[in-house]
Amino acid sequence: MPNIEVIVADQATQRLLQGHGKLQEVEVSPLEVNFSQHVIYPLFSDGTSVDETVREVVAIEEENDTSEVSYWLKTPFPQIQAVRWCPKLRDGEGKPVLDENGEERRGVEGLFALNNRRLYVLQRAAVYHYPRKCKVRIEVVTERWEVLHHLKKFRTRTNGLSIFVSEWSARRHPRNLWQCSREPRHGTGRDNTKHFDVLRVWDWRSAVAKLEEGGPEHEQAAESGSCACWEYLDPKGLCRGPYSNWQMQQWWEHGMLPRELRIRAFQPKRGEDEGLEGEEDFRPVLEVFEDAPSPFAPGWSPELTAAEGVWNRCAQCHRKRLDGWSARGQWYCSNCWRKWGA
């Protein structure tokens, strides 16, 4: 069962280390830049949420001699930086994927952002105006040793095509302040840790797929910062995911998923028990897509639910958080619950 992006790599990665100069400014669409991490926190360092920042991005129409309408995106933050690279392919546990000769497999060469929250904001703004093209100026790091320094931090498992928005999680609702579950999760987490609940999944390809079917779904995805996704049961009966419709389509078309696979629409847990309660909700792929042109066809992803969280201030750490619970008249974030259960 796959947990990696289907990518074919044939570029010589060594030549990418032979840069000339430190920074090179280029004009690109945010949709042409990939994520270098697989999860981001929903707040910037100044406490501003990514949702608030998206609303501050201004689209300025570009003057040109053609009939095509395009926009420059003016942002409240500095230019993002990126490196050009072929990243390692990793499996669902974050381990490098090896080929038949035991060599590490690499993904497709591309630009990978060093400021992933900023890229998330820019991609949401670009999707809102899709199919009109949006452009930004970014700085590409080319100095060899600085590139190597940034590459050590790469953690993407999908070749940078998608990103999770997540917080620390205690996984289950604890019974009291001194008792907290420490059972392992089977999902994914930042730096391959186990204490994360996925609040959102962003994949701009899935977000715009329904545009061909008509309707404002891509605008809804841009507003919510999420795209509808799937979970599936692996052969051991463990729930895997979430994965975007586009990702699942790639695996299915490459024969990497069994025809008897059972799936269900992903819903953020937000502290609920992640066990297999609701296992009956999983249905065979061929049954779910009985009326579709093909399994995971564009425009046939689950309906996106607008369940925006509420920010609260934790009575223990005094940070603003999304995920947590109330006890004894106070609200505590899931990270503090987890520490009490350690």
Foldseek 3Di string as FASTA:
>chain_A
DFQFADAADDDDFVVLLPFDDFKDKDKDFLLQEFALFAEDEQADPVGHGLLVQLVVWDWDWDDDDDPATATEIDGPDDAWEWEWGWAFAATQLQHFDADPVRHTGTHYTGIYTPDRSVSLSRLLNQLLPPPHTYMYMHIYTRNNVVVVVSNVQGRDNHRRQKHFHKDFALQAAAPDLQATDDDFAPEADGPSDGGIWTQAMDGLCLLCLQVVVPDNSNNVCSNQSHHKFKWWQDPVRHIYDGDHLVRVVSCVVVVNDDQQIWMAIDDTQLRHHPPCVVVVRTDGQCVLCVPPPDGSHRSSGDDDDRDDFDWDQAPPPRRTDRGFQDDPRGTHHRVSSNVSND
